[in-house]
Amino acid sequence: MTEPDLEKLEELPTLPRFVQDILAVVNDKDAPLADVASALAVDPGASGRIVAAANAAFFTGHQPIYSVDDAAVRLGLNRVRVLASTALLSAQFQPDTCPAFDQGRFWRSSMNVALCASKLANYVPLETGTPASYLAGLLHNIGVLANACTFPEAMGRVLAAAADEASCLAAVEVDHLGFDHYQAGAALLRRWQLPEAVVTAVGNHMDPAYRGDWSRLTNMVGASVDWYRTGYRELPQSRILRGISESKLENIAMSCRREDEQLKSFAAELARVA
């Protein structure tokens, strides 16, 4: 088999201009709720999924809501940012040709890491603001999705081998593809012209020794990923979080575990619709 080429990722569609415009508003921490709702109204599908999440995934037993404005009141603007970005980005991919790829599980972990990173960012002085932390958390594994869409047969073998052998996914990708999903994710996001801070964090967050540009953001995203993988049962040992008290970390852990269950149905809906 010819070794896949990282440049083949250029065959994936570019991020539509209207999606870029919506994400720009959604990621602006100073944007008022009315502007966020107006931006999302351009994509009725994304708006509908956010309203559905507010009605079902998070607060069952409450009066039904019918608008993004009401969803933000119920969920909080930060959750709406994460859900909106997820709905917009998931619509850009069709990984059906790679059955081994679990899209619901993928988006569930992506959203949870995003929310965890945004919570930690309240206590960690970063080179960027909180929106960059949640966006980098949301996209931390986007290269897995990109590889599944671009190289479905090869990634099917990669995912099967990584599961059977309990091996590091990135190492198996290098064996089969010649590159890993961190490289693929960074290449895709750079092509999409996303902020370089986010590109850097996606490409380097699993390197604990990383000390380059945007290192605080990058290391915090890595800590969020590690913490999520333990089910938030073990307090993170990352140096970037040493200034946060144990009690605050435990509160964040409880919140993230609760979010994980609440996000499950939303992630499953994304996988079903895509």
Protein backbone atom coordinates (compact mmCIF):
# COMPACT_ATOMS: atom_id res chain seq x y z
CA MET A 1 0.00 0.00 0.00
CA THR A 2 1.24 3.48 -0.78
CA GLU A 3 1.90 5.43 2.40
CA PRO A 4 -0.77 8.09 2.96
CA ASP A 5 0.39 11.65 2.51
CA LEU A 6 -0.40 14.32 5.08
CA GLU A 7 -1.04 16.74 2.21
CA LYS A 8 -4.06 14.66 1.20
CA LEU A 9 -5.89 16.38 4.05
CA GLU A 10 -6.21 19.28 1.65
CA GLU A 11 -8.96 17.26 -0.03
CA LEU A 12 -11.18 17.92 2.99
CA PRO A 13 -13.52 20.86 2.43
CA THR A 14 -12.39 24.24 3.62
CA LEU A 15 -14.31 25.78 6.48
CA PRO A 16 -17.21 27.70 4.88
CA ARG A 17 -17.04 31.44 5.26
CA PHE A 18 -20.32 31.62 7.16
CA VAL A 19 -19.05 29.04 9.67
CA GLN A 20 -15.87 31.07 10.17
CA ASP A 21 -17.99 34.18 10.75
CA ILE A 22 -20.21 32.41 13.28
CA LEU A 23 -17.24 30.94 15.13
CA ALA A 24 -15.62 34.37 15.30
CA VAL A 25 -18.67 35.76 17.11
CA VAL A 26 -19.15 32.69 19.30
CA ASN A 27 -15.48 32.76 20.34
CA ASP A 28 -15.54 36.47 21.22
CA LYS A 29 -15.78 36.56 25.02
CA ASP A 30 -17.04 40.15 24.81
CA ALA A 31 -19.82 39.38 22.34
CA PRO A 32 -23.24 39.93 23.93
CA LEU A 33 -25.74 37.11 23.94
CA ALA A 34 -27.88 38.86 21.33
CA ASP A 35 -24.96 38.85 18.87
CA VAL A 36 -24.24 35.16 19.54
CA ALA A 37 -27.90 34.26 18.99
CA SER A 38 -28.05 36.33 15.79
CA ALA A 39 -24.90 34.68 14.44
CA LEU A 40 -26.23 31.21 15.16
CA ALA A 41 -29.52 32.03 13.48
CA VAL A 42 -27.63 31.85 10.16
CA ASP A 43 -27.39 28.08 10.70
CA PRO A 44 -30.81 26.80 11.85
CA GLY A 45 -29.40 23.30 12.30
CA ALA A 46 -26.88 24.43 14.90
CA SER A 47 -29.48 26.56 16.68
CA GLY A 48 -31.91 23.66 16.78
CA ARG A 49 -29.37 21.30 18.29
CA ILE A 50 -28.48 23.78 21.01
CA VAL A 51 -32.12 24.27 21.94
CA ALA A 52 -32.60 20.49 21.93
CA ALA A 53 -29.59 20.09 24.24
CA ALA A 54 -31.01 22.63 26.65
CA ASN A 55 -34.34 20.81 26.70
CA ALA A 56 -33.03 17.27 26.97
CA ALA A 57 -29.36 16.76 27.65
CA PHE A 58 -28.89 19.06 30.62
CA PHE A 59 -32.04 20.04 32.46
CA THR A 60 -34.85 17.54 32.19
CA GLY A 61 -38.00 18.35 34.10
CA HIS A 62 -37.87 22.08 33.37
CA GLN A 63 -40.24 24.06 31.20
CA PRO A 64 -39.36 23.65 27.50
CA ILE A 65 -37.41 26.41 25.80
CA TYR A 66 -37.53 27.48 22.18
CA SER A 67 -34.62 29.84 21.47
CA VAL A 68 -30.84 30.15 21.74
CA ASP A 69 -31.35 33.09 24.11
CA ASP A 70 -33.29 30.88 26.50
CA ALA A 71 -30.74 28.10 26.05
CA ALA A 72 -27.96 30.46 27.12
CA VAL A 73 -29.91 31.45 30.22
CA ARG A 74 -30.42 27.81 31.13
CA LEU A 75 -27.05 26.40 30.11
CA GLY A 76 -24.78 29.42 30.46
CA LEU A 77 -23.08 31.18 27.58
CA ASN A 78 -19.92 29.10 27.86
CA ARG A 79 -21.83 25.84 27.35
CA VAL A 80 -23.66 27.39 24.41
CA ARG A 81 -20.30 28.31 22.88
CA VAL A 82 -19.10 24.72 23.17
CA LEU A 83 -22.33 23.20 21.84
CA ALA A 84 -22.52 25.70 18.98
CA SER A 85 -18.91 25.16 17.91
CA THR A 86 -19.40 21.40 18.07
CA ALA A 87 -22.58 21.47 15.99
CA LEU A 88 -20.98 23.70 13.37
CA LEU A 89 -17.77 21.69 13.09
CA SER A 90 -19.35 18.24 13.16
CA ALA A 91 -21.41 19.17 10.11
CA GLN A 92 -18.19 19.56 8.10
CA PHE A 93 -17.28 15.87 8.31
CA GLN A 94 -18.77 12.61 7.05
CA PRO A 95 -16.74 9.74 8.55
CA ASP A 96 -19.26 7.04 7.58
CA THR A 97 -16.69 5.24 5.43
CA CYS A 98 -14.67 4.42 8.57
CA PRO A 99 -17.01 2.24 10.68
CA ALA A 100 -14.37 1.78 13.38
CA PHE A 101 -14.57 5.49 14.18
CA ASP A 102 -17.07 6.22 16.99
CA GLN A 103 -18.25 9.74 16.24
CA GLY A 104 -20.48 9.99 19.32
CA ARG A 105 -17.63 9.05 21.64
CA PHE A 106 -15.32 11.44 19.79
CA TRP A 107 -17.54 14.51 20.21
CA ARG A 108 -18.43 13.62 23.78
CA SER A 109 -14.76 13.60 24.80
CA SER A 110 -14.04 16.71 22.73
CA MET A 111 -16.81 18.72 24.40
CA ASN A 112 -15.90 17.52 27.86
CA VAL A 113 -12.24 18.45 27.44
CA ALA A 114 -13.36 21.84 26.10
CA LEU A 115 -15.50 22.53 29.16
CA CYS A 116 -12.78 21.27 31.50
CA ALA A 117 -10.19 23.52 29.86
CA SER A 118 -12.48 26.54 30.07
CA LYS A 119 -13.04 25.88 33.79
CA LEU A 120 -9.33 25.54 34.49
CA ALA A 121 -8.61 28.69 32.48
CA ASN A 122 -10.38 30.69 35.18
CA TYR A 123 -7.49 29.87 37.52
CA VAL A 124 -4.52 29.62 35.15
CA PRO A 125 -3.02 32.79 33.64
CA LEU A 126 -2.82 32.01 29.94
CA GLU A 127 -1.37 33.81 26.95
CA THR A 128 -4.94 33.84 25.61
CA GLY A 129 -8.42 34.15 27.08
CA THR A 130 -10.91 31.49 28.08
CA PRO A 131 -12.49 31.15 24.59
CA ALA A 132 -9.15 29.98 23.15
CA SER A 133 -8.89 27.37 25.90
CA TYR A 134 -12.27 25.84 25.17
CA LEU A 135 -11.74 25.94 21.40
CA ALA A 136 -8.33 24.27 21.72
CA GLY A 137 -9.89 21.69 24.05
CA LEU A 138 -12.75 21.06 21.66
CA LEU A 139 -10.38 20.54 18.73
CA HIS A 140 -7.62 18.69 20.57
CA ASN A 141 -8.31 15.43 18.72
CA ILE A 142 -9.71 16.83 15.46
CA GLY A 143 -6.90 15.07 13.60
CA VAL A 144 -8.43 11.67 14.45
CA LEU A 145 -11.64 12.73 12.72
CA ALA A 146 -9.74 14.22 9.80
CA ASN A 147 -7.72 11.02 9.35
CA ALA A 148 -10.86 8.87 9.56
CA CYS A 149 -12.47 10.93 6.79
CA THR A 150 -9.40 11.15 4.56
CA PHE A 151 -7.88 7.69 5.07
CA PRO A 152 -10.88 5.57 6.15
CA GLU A 153 -9.43 2.14 5.36
CA ALA A 154 -6.04 2.83 6.92
CA MET A 155 -7.61 4.46 9.97
CA GLY A 156 -9.93 1.50 10.35
CA ARG A 157 -6.86 -0.68 10.73
CA VAL A 158 -5.22 1.86 13.03
CA LEU A 159 -8.21 2.05 15.36
CA ALA A 160 -8.57 -1.73 15.45
CA ALA A 161 -4.87 -2.25 16.16
CA ALA A 162 -4.80 0.42 18.87
CA ALA A 163 -7.83 -1.14 20.58
CA ASP A 164 -6.59 -4.74 20.34
CA GLU A 165 -3.10 -3.98 21.52
CA ALA A 166 -3.97 -1.20 23.98
CA SER A 167 -1.33 0.77 22.12
CA CYS A 168 -0.83 4.50 21.87
CA LEU A 169 -3.02 5.63 18.97
CA ALA A 170 -0.45 8.16 17.75
CA ALA A 171 2.28 5.51 17.56
CA VAL A 172 0.04 3.16 15.55
CA GLU A 173 -0.88 6.03 13.22
CA VAL A 174 2.78 6.72 12.55
CA ASP A 175 3.30 3.04 11.70
CA HIS A 176 0.36 2.95 9.28
CA LEU A 177 0.13 6.53 8.00
CA GLY A 178 3.57 8.01 8.51
CA PHE A 179 2.19 10.78 10.77
CA ASP A 180 -0.12 11.08 13.77
CA HIS A 181 -3.39 12.88 14.44
CA TYR A 182 -1.64 15.73 16.24
CA GLN A 183 0.19 16.60 13.04
CA ALA A 184 -2.96 16.08 10.99
CA GLY A 185 -5.05 18.25 13.30
CA ALA A 186 -2.56 21.11 13.26
CA ALA A 187 -2.30 20.94 9.46
CA LEU A 188 -6.08 21.01 9.07
CA LEU A 189 -6.62 23.91 11.49
CA ARG A 190 -3.85 25.94 9.91
CA ARG A 191 -5.53 25.40 6.54
CA TRP A 192 -8.77 26.58 8.11
CA GLN A 193 -6.92 29.70 9.26
CA LEU A 194 -7.78 29.23 12.91
CA PRO A 195 -5.74 31.20 15.48
CA GLU A 196 -2.15 30.00 15.74
CA ALA A 197 -2.53 29.55 19.51
CA VAL A 198 -5.20 26.90 18.89
CA VAL A 199 -3.16 25.25 16.11
CA THR A 200 -0.13 25.06 18.41
CA ALA A 201 -2.11 23.60 21.30
CA VAL A 202 -3.69 20.94 19.10
CA GLY A 203 -0.36 19.92 17.63
CA ASN A 204 1.64 19.82 20.87
CA HIS A 205 -0.68 19.30 23.87
CA MET A 206 0.47 15.73 24.56
CA ASP A 207 4.12 16.74 24.79
CA PRO A 208 4.69 17.53 28.50
CA ALA A 209 8.09 19.00 27.67
CA TYR A 210 6.69 21.54 25.20
CA ARG A 211 8.04 25.04 25.95
CA GLY A 212 7.41 26.89 22.69
CA ASP A 213 4.83 29.49 21.73
CA TRP A 214 1.55 29.37 23.66
CA SER A 215 3.08 26.84 26.07
CA ARG A 216 0.73 27.63 28.96
CA LEU A 217 -2.37 27.11 26.83
CA THR A 218 -0.85 24.01 25.25
CA ASN A 219 0.12 22.42 28.56
CA MET A 220 -3.26 23.21 30.13
CA VAL A 221 -5.09 21.49 27.27
CA GLY A 222 -2.80 18.49 27.74
CA ALA A 223 -3.62 18.43 31.46
CA SER A 224 -7.35 18.57 30.65
CA VAL A 225 -7.01 15.61 28.28
CA ASP A 226 -5.07 13.57 30.84
CA TRP A 227 -7.61 14.37 33.53
CA TYR A 228 -10.53 13.39 31.30
CA ARG A 229 -8.89 10.06 30.52
CA THR A 230 -8.82 9.19 34.24
CA GLY A 231 -12.52 10.00 34.54
CA TYR A 232 -11.51 12.95 36.73
CA ARG A 233 -10.78 10.45 39.52
CA GLU A 234 -7.14 11.43 39.94
CA LEU A 235 -6.08 15.02 40.55
CA PRO A 236 -3.81 16.20 37.73
CA GLN A 237 -0.11 16.54 38.51
CA SER A 238 0.67 18.96 35.69
CA ARG A 239 2.91 21.84 36.69
CA ILE A 240 0.56 24.26 34.93
CA LEU A 241 -2.15 23.57 37.55
CA ARG A 242 -0.03 23.78 40.68
CA GLY A 243 -1.48 27.15 41.63
CA ILE A 244 -5.01 25.75 41.92
CA SER A 245 -6.07 24.48 45.34
CA GLU A 246 -7.03 20.83 45.76
CA SER A 247 -10.56 21.79 46.82
CA LYS A 248 -11.09 23.82 43.63
CA LEU A 249 -9.76 20.96 41.50
CA GLU A 250 -12.12 18.54 43.22
CA ASN A 251 -15.07 20.85 42.54
CA ILE A 252 -14.06 21.10 38.88
CA ALA A 253 -13.76 17.31 38.73
CA MET A 254 -17.29 16.84 40.07
CA SER A 255 -18.63 19.37 37.60
CA CYS A 256 -16.82 17.71 34.68
CA ARG A 257 -18.09 14.24 35.59
CA ARG A 258 -21.62 15.61 35.66
CA GLU A 259 -21.10 17.36 32.31
CA ASP A 260 -19.82 14.14 30.76
CA GLU A 261 -23.07 12.32 31.41
CA GLN A 262 -25.14 15.27 30.26
CA LEU A 263 -23.17 15.57 27.02
CA LYS A 264 -23.66 11.91 26.14
CA SER A 265 -27.06 12.31 24.50
CA PHE A 266 -26.02 15.45 22.62
CA ALA A 267 -22.95 13.71 21.22
CA ALA A 268 -25.06 10.71 20.20
CA GLU A 269 -27.48 13.04 18.41
CA LEU A 270 -24.62 14.67 16.52
CA ALA A 271 -23.41 11.25 15.39
CA ARG A 272 -26.89 10.25 14.31
CA VAL A 273 -27.56 13.41 12.30
CA ALA A 274 -24.13 13.61 10.65
